[in-house]
Amino acid sequence: ERAHNDEGGALAAYYLTALSAVNDELGTDFDLTRFRYQARYVSQLRRVEMLLVATASHKVIIDGSPHAFRKGDSILAAVSLSFTRSTLEGMLTGVGLEVVDWRSDEGQRFAVVTTAVSTGNGDESPDDR
């Protein structure tokens, strides 16, 4: 969560700029001064959510119709997830894929993973495919 609430405010600026882009591209009228950026860790889902939270009640015109925001209402702007190897392998197996190569740092904090369609028998090495 700390990484997503940087002291310099770079991520806050990024997400508010994205809201400005929505205004430009879709003709909405989000007032950026009425939103603040917040990142929060949701332990039940094991994820960090990046939110734009309304600082006051107001209305935004979207597709020509007013949409009310109450103070504290939020827009879910992004989600950041982390996976353990076993969690990722379980998810991949569920969709017919398997890990064929896993390269990680010494602390097992980051990994680059190569996957392939599962052969189903587990007997082949990645070089046999």
Protein backbone atom coordinates (compact mmCIF):
# COMPACT_ATOMS: atom_id res chain seq x y z
CA GLU A 1 0.00 0.00 0.00
CA ARG A 2 2.85 2.41 0.83
CA ALA A 3 4.25 2.13 -2.68
CA HIS A 4 0.90 3.30 -4.05
CA ASN A 5 0.71 6.29 -1.66
CA ASP A 6 4.03 7.87 -2.63
CA GLU A 7 5.06 10.98 -0.71
CA GLY A 8 5.72 12.96 -3.87
CA GLY A 9 2.18 12.46 -5.09
CA ALA A 10 3.15 11.12 -8.52
CA LEU A 11 0.45 8.44 -8.51
CA ALA A 12 -2.18 10.90 -7.29
CA ALA A 13 -1.28 13.23 -10.14
CA TYR A 14 -1.34 10.33 -12.60
CA TYR A 15 -4.86 9.20 -11.68
CA LEU A 16 -6.24 12.74 -11.58
CA THR A 17 -4.70 13.34 -15.00
CA ALA A 18 -6.44 10.18 -16.19
CA LEU A 19 -9.73 11.65 -14.98
CA SER A 20 -8.94 14.79 -16.94
CA ALA A 21 -8.38 12.59 -20.02
CA VAL A 22 -11.84 11.08 -19.48
CA ASN A 23 -13.21 14.63 -19.58
CA ASP A 24 -11.37 15.34 -22.84
CA GLU A 25 -12.19 12.05 -24.56
CA LEU A 26 -15.75 11.48 -23.39
CA GLY A 27 -16.99 15.01 -22.84
CA THR A 28 -17.62 14.55 -19.13
CA ASP A 29 -17.13 17.37 -16.63
CA PHE A 30 -15.33 15.80 -13.66
CA ASP A 31 -14.02 18.59 -11.44
CA LEU A 32 -10.59 17.33 -10.41
CA THR A 33 -10.57 19.57 -7.33
CA ARG A 34 -13.48 17.54 -5.95
CA PHE A 35 -11.55 14.26 -5.88
CA ARG A 36 -8.55 13.02 -3.94
CA TYR A 37 -6.45 9.97 -4.61
CA GLN A 38 -6.35 7.12 -2.10
CA ALA A 39 -4.71 3.70 -2.19
CA ARG A 40 -5.92 1.07 0.24
CA TYR A 41 -5.06 -2.54 0.92
CA VAL A 42 -8.05 -4.90 0.96
CA SER A 43 -6.81 -7.86 2.97
CA GLN A 44 -9.73 -10.19 2.15
CA LEU A 45 -8.95 -9.83 -1.57
CA ARG A 46 -5.15 -9.52 -1.09
CA ARG A 47 -5.00 -6.49 -3.34
CA VAL A 48 -4.34 -2.77 -3.36
CA GLU A 49 -7.09 -0.59 -4.80
CA MET A 50 -6.39 2.85 -6.21
CA LEU A 51 -9.38 5.11 -5.76
CA LEU A 52 -10.49 8.62 -6.62
CA VAL A 53 -12.64 9.71 -3.67
CA ALA A 54 -15.15 12.56 -3.81
CA THR A 55 -14.25 15.28 -1.31
CA ALA A 56 -17.71 16.88 -1.51
CA SER A 57 -21.15 16.09 -2.86
CA HIS A 58 -21.54 17.16 -6.48
CA LYS A 59 -22.89 16.12 -9.87
CA VAL A 60 -20.99 15.10 -12.99
CA ILE A 61 -22.50 15.11 -16.47
CA ILE A 62 -21.85 11.80 -18.24
CA ASP A 63 -23.44 11.17 -21.64
CA GLY A 64 -25.64 14.20 -21.09
CA SER A 65 -27.07 12.89 -17.81
CA PRO A 66 -26.21 14.07 -14.30
CA HIS A 67 -24.64 11.52 -11.95
CA ALA A 68 -24.50 12.35 -8.26
CA PHE A 69 -21.42 11.79 -6.14
CA ARG A 70 -21.74 12.05 -2.39
CA LYS A 71 -18.78 12.99 -0.23
CA GLY A 72 -16.77 9.78 0.22
CA ASP A 73 -18.07 8.05 -2.93
CA SER A 74 -15.22 6.59 -4.91
CA ILE A 75 -14.20 5.59 -8.41
CA LEU A 76 -12.11 2.42 -8.56
CA ALA A 77 -9.30 3.51 -10.87
CA ALA A 78 -6.95 0.51 -10.68
CA VAL A 79 -6.16 -2.72 -8.83
CA SER A 80 -2.74 -4.11 -7.99
CA LEU A 81 -2.42 -7.82 -7.25
CA SER A 82 0.44 -10.03 -6.10
CA PHE A 83 0.55 -13.80 -6.45
CA THR A 84 2.52 -16.56 -4.80
CA ARG A 85 3.85 -19.25 -7.10
CA SER A 86 1.34 -21.79 -5.81
CA THR A 87 -1.58 -19.36 -6.23
CA LEU A 88 -0.54 -18.52 -9.78
CA GLU A 89 -0.03 -22.18 -10.70
CA GLY A 90 -3.49 -22.99 -9.38
CA MET A 91 -5.07 -20.21 -11.42
CA LEU A 92 -3.19 -21.27 -14.55
CA THR A 93 -4.16 -24.91 -14.12
CA GLY A 94 -7.80 -23.82 -13.92
CA VAL A 95 -7.57 -22.36 -17.44
CA GLY A 96 -5.46 -25.10 -19.02
CA LEU A 97 -2.03 -23.50 -18.67
CA GLU A 98 1.11 -24.40 -16.77
CA VAL A 99 4.35 -22.73 -15.69
CA VAL A 100 7.26 -23.80 -17.90
CA ASP A 101 9.84 -21.36 -16.52
CA TRP A 102 10.01 -19.28 -13.34
CA ARG A 103 12.86 -16.82 -12.79
CA SER A 104 12.92 -14.85 -9.58
CA ASP A 105 15.17 -12.65 -7.49
CA GLU A 106 16.85 -14.12 -4.39
CA GLY A 107 14.16 -12.79 -2.08
CA GLN A 108 11.34 -14.24 -4.21
CA ARG A 109 9.78 -10.77 -4.42
CA PHE A 110 9.56 -10.59 -8.21
CA ALA A 111 9.32 -13.17 -10.96
CA VAL A 112 9.23 -13.45 -14.71
CA VAL A 113 7.04 -16.41 -15.62
CA THR A 114 6.69 -18.27 -18.90
CA THR A 115 3.53 -20.30 -19.39
CA ALA A 116 2.23 -22.69 -22.02
CA VAL A 117 -0.85 -24.73 -22.75
CA SER A 118 -0.84 -27.65 -20.36
CA THR A 119 -0.01 -31.07 -21.78
CA GLY A 120 -1.90 -32.67 -18.94
CA ASN A 121 0.62 -35.39 -18.11
CA GLY A 122 3.38 -33.44 -16.39
CA ASP A 123 6.02 -35.80 -17.77
CA GLU A 124 7.51 -33.50 -20.40
CA SER A 125 10.16 -30.95 -19.71
CA PRO A 126 9.73 -27.47 -21.20
CA ASP A 127 12.46 -28.35 -23.75
CA ASP A 128 10.36 -31.24 -25.10
CA ARG A 129 7.57 -28.90 -26.25
